[in-house]
PDB file of all heavy atoms in Angstrom:
ATOM      1  N   PHE A   1     -31.329 -47.708   7.268  1.00  0.00           N
ATOM      2  CA  PHE A   1     -31.349 -46.765   8.370  1.00  0.00           C
ATOM      3  C   PHE A   1     -31.657 -45.362   7.857  1.00  0.00           C
ATOM      4  O   PHE A   1     -31.395 -45.044   6.696  1.00  0.00           O
ATOM      5  CB  PHE A   1     -29.975 -46.713   9.063  1.00  0.00           C
ATOM      6  CG  PHE A   1     -29.503 -48.025   9.618  1.00  0.00           C
ATOM      7  CD1 PHE A   1     -28.389 -48.654   9.086  1.00  0.00           C
ATOM      8  CD2 PHE A   1     -30.153 -48.614  10.693  1.00  0.00           C
ATOM      9  CE1 PHE A   1     -27.933 -49.850   9.597  1.00  0.00           C
ATOM     10  CE2 PHE A   1     -29.704 -49.823  11.212  1.00  0.00           C
ATOM     11  CZ  PHE A   1     -28.594 -50.446  10.674  1.00  0.00           C
ATOM     12  N   ARG A   2     -32.197 -44.519   8.730  1.00  0.00           N
ATOM     13  CA  ARG A   2     -32.296 -43.101   8.380  1.00  0.00           C
ATOM     14  C   ARG A   2     -30.885 -42.563   8.236  1.00  0.00           C
ATOM     15  O   ARG A   2     -30.034 -42.775   9.111  1.00  0.00           O
ATOM     16  CB  ARG A   2     -33.066 -42.340   9.450  1.00  0.00           C
ATOM     17  CG  ARG A   2     -33.131 -40.820   9.228  1.00  0.00           C
ATOM     18  CD  ARG A   2     -34.198 -40.178  10.091  1.00  0.00           C
ATOM     19  NE  ARG A   2     -35.527 -40.545   9.605  1.00  0.00           N
ATOM     20  CZ  ARG A   2     -36.636 -40.443  10.317  1.00  0.00           C
ATOM     21  NH1 ARG A   2     -36.582 -39.996  11.568  1.00  0.00           N
ATOM     22  NH2 ARG A   2     -37.798 -40.791   9.793  1.00  0.00           N
ATOM     23  N   GLY A   3     -30.620 -41.838   7.166  1.00  0.00           N
ATOM     24  CA  GLY A   3     -29.264 -41.405   6.872  1.00  0.00           C
ATOM     25  C   GLY A   3     -28.630 -40.584   7.973  1.00  0.00           C
ATOM     26  O   GLY A   3     -27.461 -40.776   8.323  1.00  0.00           O
ATOM     27  N   ASN A   4     -29.411 -39.659   8.555  1.00  0.00           N
ATOM     28  CA  ASN A   4     -28.830 -38.783   9.581  1.00  0.00           C
ATOM     29  C   ASN A   4     -28.891 -39.375  10.984  1.00  0.00           C
ATOM     30  O   ASN A   4     -28.619 -38.689  11.969  1.00  0.00           O
ATOM     31  CB  ASN A   4     -29.495 -37.396   9.551  1.00  0.00           C
ATOM     32  CG  ASN A   4     -30.996 -37.466   9.736  1.00  0.00           C
ATOM     33  OD1 ASN A   4     -31.520 -38.271  10.493  1.00  0.00           O
ATOM     34  ND2 ASN A   4     -31.711 -36.597   9.028  1.00  0.00           N
ATOM     35  N   ARG A   5     -29.226 -40.660  11.066  1.00  0.00           N
ATOM     36  CA  ARG A   5     -29.190 -41.374  12.344  1.00  0.00           C
ATOM     37  C   ARG A   5     -28.124 -42.460  12.344  1.00  0.00           C
ATOM     38  O   ARG A   5     -28.002 -43.232  13.304  1.00  0.00           O
ATOM     39  CB  ARG A   5     -30.554 -42.013  12.615  1.00  0.00           C
ATOM     40  CG  ARG A   5     -31.647 -41.029  12.979  1.00  0.00           C
ATOM     41  CD  ARG A   5     -31.390 -40.466  14.358  1.00  0.00           C
ATOM     42  NE  ARG A   5     -32.565 -39.810  14.903  1.00  0.00           N
ATOM     43  CZ  ARG A   5     -32.782 -39.654  16.200  1.00  0.00           C
ATOM     44  NH1 ARG A   5     -31.925 -40.120  17.070  1.00  0.00           N
ATOM     45  NH2 ARG A   5     -33.840 -39.023  16.624  1.00  0.00           N
ATOM     46  N   SER A   6     -27.353 -42.544  11.272  1.00  0.00           N
ATOM     47  CA  SER A   6     -26.434 -43.664  11.070  1.00  0.00           C
ATOM     48  C   SER A   6     -25.017 -43.326  11.525  1.00  0.00           C
ATOM     49  O   SER A   6     -24.579 -42.182  11.440  1.00  0.00           O
ATOM     50  CB  SER A   6     -26.390 -44.040   9.586  1.00  0.00           C
ATOM     51  OG  SER A   6     -27.682 -44.316   9.112  1.00  0.00           O
ATOM     52  N   ILE A   7     -24.323 -44.359  11.985  1.00  0.00           N
ATOM     53  CA  ILE A   7     -22.905 -44.246  12.301  1.00  0.00           C
ATOM     54  C   ILE A   7     -22.196 -45.488  11.758  1.00  0.00           C
ATOM     55  O   ILE A   7     -22.812 -46.545  11.612  1.00  0.00           O
ATOM     56  CB  ILE A   7     -22.631 -44.142  13.813  1.00  0.00           C
ATOM     57  CG1 ILE A   7     -23.100 -45.418  14.548  1.00  0.00           C
ATOM     58  CG2 ILE A   7     -23.293 -42.905  14.405  1.00  0.00           C
ATOM     59  CD1 ILE A   7     -22.651 -45.511  15.994  1.00  0.00           C
ATOM     60  N   LYS A   8     -20.916 -45.351  11.438  1.00  0.00           N
ATOM     61  CA  LYS A   8     -20.129 -46.534  11.137  1.00  0.00           C
ATOM     62  C   LYS A   8     -19.642 -47.090  12.465  1.00  0.00           C
ATOM     63  O   LYS A   8     -18.839 -46.455  13.161  1.00  0.00           O
ATOM     64  CB  LYS A   8     -18.957 -46.233  10.210  1.00  0.00           C
ATOM     65  CG  LYS A   8     -18.258 -47.527   9.757  1.00  0.00           C
ATOM     66  CD  LYS A   8     -17.188 -47.316   8.706  1.00  0.00           C
ATOM     67  CE  LYS A   8     -16.617 -48.677   8.270  1.00  0.00           C
ATOM     68  NZ  LYS A   8     -15.520 -48.554   7.302  1.00  0.00           N
ATOM     69  N   ALA A   9     -20.124 -48.279  12.818  1.00  0.00           N
ATOM     70  CA  ALA A   9     -19.880 -48.836  14.139  1.00  0.00           C
ATOM     71  C   ALA A   9     -18.881 -49.975  14.149  1.00  0.00           C
ATOM     72  O   ALA A   9     -18.403 -50.371  15.208  1.00  0.00           O
ATOM     73  CB  ALA A   9     -21.211 -49.318  14.737  1.00  0.00           C
ATOM     74  N   TYR A  10     -18.574 -50.524  12.969  1.00  0.00           N
ATOM     75  CA  TYR A  10     -17.739 -51.721  12.897  1.00  0.00           C
ATOM     76  C   TYR A  10     -16.790 -51.545  11.716  1.00  0.00           C
ATOM     77  O   TYR A  10     -17.229 -51.418  10.581  1.00  0.00           O
ATOM     78  CB  TYR A  10     -18.643 -52.939  12.712  1.00  0.00           C
ATOM     79  CG  TYR A  10     -18.031 -54.291  13.008  1.00  0.00           C
ATOM     80  CD1 TYR A  10     -18.849 -55.409  13.151  1.00  0.00           C
ATOM     81  CD2 TYR A  10     -16.661 -54.485  13.108  1.00  0.00           C
ATOM     82  CE1 TYR A  10     -18.320 -56.672  13.409  1.00  0.00           C
ATOM     83  CE2 TYR A  10     -16.122 -55.731  13.363  1.00  0.00           C
ATOM     84  CZ  TYR A  10     -16.950 -56.820  13.505  1.00  0.00           C
ATOM     85  OH  TYR A  10     -16.415 -58.058  13.753  1.00  0.00           O
ATOM     86  N   ALA A  11     -15.487 -51.531  11.993  1.00  0.00           N
ATOM     87  CA  ALA A  11     -14.514 -51.200  10.953  1.00  0.00           C
ATOM     88  C   ALA A  11     -14.449 -52.237   9.848  1.00  0.00           C
ATOM     89  O   ALA A  11     -14.315 -51.889   8.667  1.00  0.00           O
ATOM     90  CB  ALA A  11     -13.125 -51.014  11.571  1.00  0.00           C
ATOM     91  N   ASP A  12     -14.522 -53.520  10.198  1.00  0.00           N
ATOM     92  CA  ASP A  12     -14.295 -54.552   9.177  1.00  0.00           C
ATOM     93  C   ASP A  12     -15.319 -55.686   9.217  1.00  0.00           C
ATOM     94  O   ASP A  12     -15.031 -56.811   8.830  1.00  0.00           O
ATOM     95  CB  ASP A  12     -12.873 -55.117   9.290  1.00  0.00           C
ATOM     96  CG  ASP A  12     -12.565 -55.645  10.691  1.00  0.00           C
ATOM     97  OD1 ASP A  12     -13.471 -55.648  11.545  1.00  0.00           O
ATOM     98  OD2 ASP A  12     -11.411 -56.057  10.923  1.00  0.00           O
ATOM     99  N   GLY A  13     -16.517 -55.391   9.668  1.00  0.00           N
ATOM    100  CA  GLY A  13     -17.587 -56.387   9.659  1.00  0.00           C
ATOM    101  C   GLY A  13     -18.637 -56.047   8.621  1.00  0.00           C
ATOM    102  O   GLY A  13     -18.759 -54.897   8.190  1.00  0.00           O
ATOM    103  N   PHE A  14     -19.403 -57.054   8.209  1.00  0.00           N
ATOM    104  CA  PHE A  14     -20.485 -56.795   7.256  1.00  0.00           C
ATOM    105  C   PHE A  14     -21.579 -55.919   7.875  1.00  0.00           C
ATOM    106  O   PHE A  14     -22.274 -55.194   7.173  1.00  0.00           O
ATOM    107  CB  PHE A  14     -21.093 -58.107   6.761  1.00  0.00           C
ATOM    108  CG  PHE A  14     -20.196 -58.853   5.793  1.00  0.00           C
ATOM    109  CD1 PHE A  14     -20.206 -60.240   5.754  1.00  0.00           C
ATOM    110  CD2 PHE A  14     -19.354 -58.192   4.922  1.00  0.00           C
ATOM    111  CE1 PHE A  14     -19.400 -60.935   4.864  1.00  0.00           C
ATOM    112  CE2 PHE A  14     -18.535 -58.862   4.034  1.00  0.00           C
ATOM    113  CZ  PHE A  14     -18.557 -60.246   4.014  1.00  0.00           C
ATOM    114  N   ASN A  15     -21.731 -56.009   9.203  1.00  0.00           N
ATOM    115  CA  ASN A  15     -22.705 -55.149   9.881  1.00  0.00           C
ATOM    116  C   ASN A  15     -22.013 -53.848  10.299  1.00  0.00           C
ATOM    117  O   ASN A  15     -21.980 -53.465  11.466  1.00  0.00           O
ATOM    118  CB  ASN A  15     -23.296 -55.865  11.099  1.00  0.00           C
ATOM    119  CG  ASN A  15     -22.232 -56.349  12.068  1.00  0.00           C
ATOM    120  OD1 ASN A  15     -21.080 -56.591  11.683  1.00  0.00           O
ATOM    121  ND2 ASN A  15     -22.605 -56.524  13.325  1.00  0.00           N
ATOM    122  N   ALA A  16     -21.484 -53.157   9.305  1.00  0.00           N
ATOM    123  CA  ALA A  16     -20.626 -51.998   9.559  1.00  0.00           C
ATOM    124  C   ALA A  16     -21.374 -50.813  10.150  1.00  0.00           C
ATOM    125  O   ALA A  16     -20.775 -49.989  10.837  1.00  0.00           O
ATOM    126  CB  ALA A  16     -19.938 -51.574   8.256  1.00  0.00           C
ATOM    127  N   PHE A  17     -22.683 -50.708   9.903  1.00  0.00           N
ATOM    128  CA  PHE A  17     -23.426 -49.510  10.308  1.00  0.00           C
ATOM    129  C   PHE A  17     -24.495 -49.826  11.342  1.00  0.00           C
ATOM    130  O   PHE A  17     -25.007 -50.942  11.433  1.00  0.00           O
ATOM    131  CB  PHE A  17     -24.045 -48.833   9.084  1.00  0.00           C
ATOM    132  CG  PHE A  17     -22.999 -48.189   8.210  1.00  0.00           C
ATOM    133  CD1 PHE A  17     -22.358 -48.920   7.216  1.00  0.00           C
ATOM    134  CD2 PHE A  17     -22.617 -46.871   8.405  1.00  0.00           C
ATOM    135  CE1 PHE A  17     -21.371 -48.348   6.435  1.00  0.00           C
ATOM    136  CE2 PHE A  17     -21.630 -46.289   7.625  1.00  0.00           C
ATOM    137  CZ  PHE A  17     -21.007 -47.021   6.642  1.00  0.00           C
ATOM    138  N   ASP A  18     -24.809 -48.798  12.107  1.00  0.00           N
ATOM    139  CA  ASP A  18     -25.825 -48.929  13.145  1.00  0.00           C
ATOM    140  C   ASP A  18     -26.575 -47.604  13.254  1.00  0.00           C
ATOM    141  O   ASP A  18     -26.119 -46.565  12.745  1.00  0.00           O
ATOM    142  CB  ASP A  18     -25.165 -49.279  14.484  1.00  0.00           C
ATOM    143  CG  ASP A  18     -26.168 -49.785  15.520  1.00  0.00           C
ATOM    144  OD1 ASP A  18     -27.337 -50.014  15.152  1.00  0.00           O
ATOM    145  OD2 ASP A  18     -25.764 -49.944  16.690  1.00  0.00           O
ATOM    146  N   SER A  19     -27.716 -47.659  13.904  1.00  0.00           N
ATOM    147  CA  SER A  19     -28.518 -46.475  14.185  1.00  0.00           C
ATOM    148  C   SER A  19     -28.892 -46.547  15.663  1.00  0.00           C
ATOM    149  O   SER A  19     -29.960 -47.037  16.019  1.00  0.00           O
ATOM    150  CB  SER A  19     -29.762 -46.468  13.293  1.00  0.00           C
ATOM    151  OG  SER A  19     -30.607 -45.379  13.610  1.00  0.00           O
ATOM    152  N   PRO A  20     -28.002 -46.096  16.545  1.00  0.00           N
ATOM    153  CA  PRO A  20     -28.131 -46.384  17.978  1.00  0.00           C
ATOM    154  C   PRO A  20     -29.404 -45.865  18.631  1.00  0.00           C
ATOM    155  O   PRO A  20     -29.900 -46.471  19.572  1.00  0.00           O
ATOM    156  CB  PRO A  20     -26.901 -45.702  18.580  1.00  0.00           C
ATOM    157  CG  PRO A  20     -25.950 -45.524  17.461  1.00  0.00           C
ATOM    158  CD  PRO A  20     -26.784 -45.332  16.244  1.00  0.00           C
ATOM    159  N   ASN A  21     -29.911 -44.721  18.163  1.00  0.00           N
ATOM    160  CA  ASN A  21     -31.049 -44.096  18.846  1.00  0.00           C
ATOM    161  C   ASN A  21     -32.347 -44.123  18.045  1.00  0.00           C
ATOM    162  O   ASN A  21     -33.288 -43.401  18.370  1.00  0.00           O
ATOM    163  CB  ASN A  21     -30.690 -42.655  19.217  1.00  0.00           C
ATOM    164  CG  ASN A  21     -29.670 -42.615  20.337  1.00  0.00           C
ATOM    165  OD1 ASN A  21     -29.848 -43.255  21.365  1.00  0.00           O
ATOM    166  ND2 ASN A  21     -28.581 -41.901  20.129  1.00  0.00           N
ATOM    167  N   MET A  22     -32.371 -44.973  17.004  1.00  0.00           N
ATOM    168  CA  MET A  22     -33.606 -45.092  16.212  1.00  0.00           C
ATOM    169  C   MET A  22     -33.633 -46.450  15.541  1.00  0.00           C
ATOM    170  O   MET A  22     -32.613 -46.903  15.014  1.00  0.00           O
ATOM    171  CB  MET A  22     -33.656 -43.983  15.147  1.00  0.00           C
ATOM    172  CG  MET A  22     -34.913 -44.021  14.305  1.00  0.00           C
ATOM    173  SD  MET A  22     -34.910 -42.767  13.010  1.00  0.00           S
ATOM    174  CE  MET A  22     -36.375 -43.297  12.092  1.00  0.00           C
ATOM    175  N   PRO A  23     -34.786 -47.125  15.542  1.00  0.00           N
ATOM    176  CA  PRO A  23     -34.881 -48.415  14.846  1.00  0.00           C
ATOM    177  C   PRO A  23     -34.666 -48.230  13.345  1.00  0.00           C
ATOM    178  O   PRO A  23     -34.813 -47.132  12.816  1.00  0.00           O
ATOM    179  CB  PRO A  23     -36.323 -48.872  15.134  1.00  0.00           C
ATOM    180  CG  PRO A  23     -36.810 -48.026  16.249  1.00  0.00           C
ATOM    181  CD  PRO A  23     -36.058 -46.735  16.169  1.00  0.00           C
ATOM    182  N   PRO A  24     -34.322 -49.301  12.629  1.00  0.00           N
ATOM    183  CA  PRO A  24     -34.192 -49.201  11.168  1.00  0.00           C
ATOM    184  C   PRO A  24     -35.499 -48.750  10.519  1.00  0.00           C
ATOM    185  O   PRO A  24     -36.593 -49.003  11.042  1.00  0.00           O
ATOM    186  CB  PRO A  24     -33.836 -50.623  10.738  1.00  0.00           C
ATOM    187  CG  PRO A  24     -33.322 -51.290  11.973  1.00  0.00           C
ATOM    188  CD  PRO A  24     -34.045 -50.656  13.122  1.00  0.00           C
ATOM    189  N   LEU A  25     -35.383 -48.102   9.383  1.00  0.00           N
ATOM    190  CA  LEU A  25     -36.577 -47.769   8.593  1.00  0.00           C
ATOM    191  C   LEU A  25     -37.204 -49.043   8.045  1.00  0.00           C
ATOM    192  O   LEU A  25     -38.431 -49.168   7.949  1.00  0.00           O
ATOM    193  CB  LEU A  25     -36.200 -46.844   7.429  1.00  0.00           C
ATOM    194  CG  LEU A  25     -35.589 -45.489   7.786  1.00  0.00           C
ATOM    195  CD1 LEU A  25     -35.140 -44.769   6.525  1.00  0.00           C
ATOM    196  CD2 LEU A  25     -36.576 -44.641   8.572  1.00  0.00           C
TER     197      LEU A  25
END
């Protein structure tokens, strides 16, 4: 993900991060 578009979305899952308003790089 773009670093400044990322959030931690899941506290204890492997898919912990998301980029809600931009597709992955």
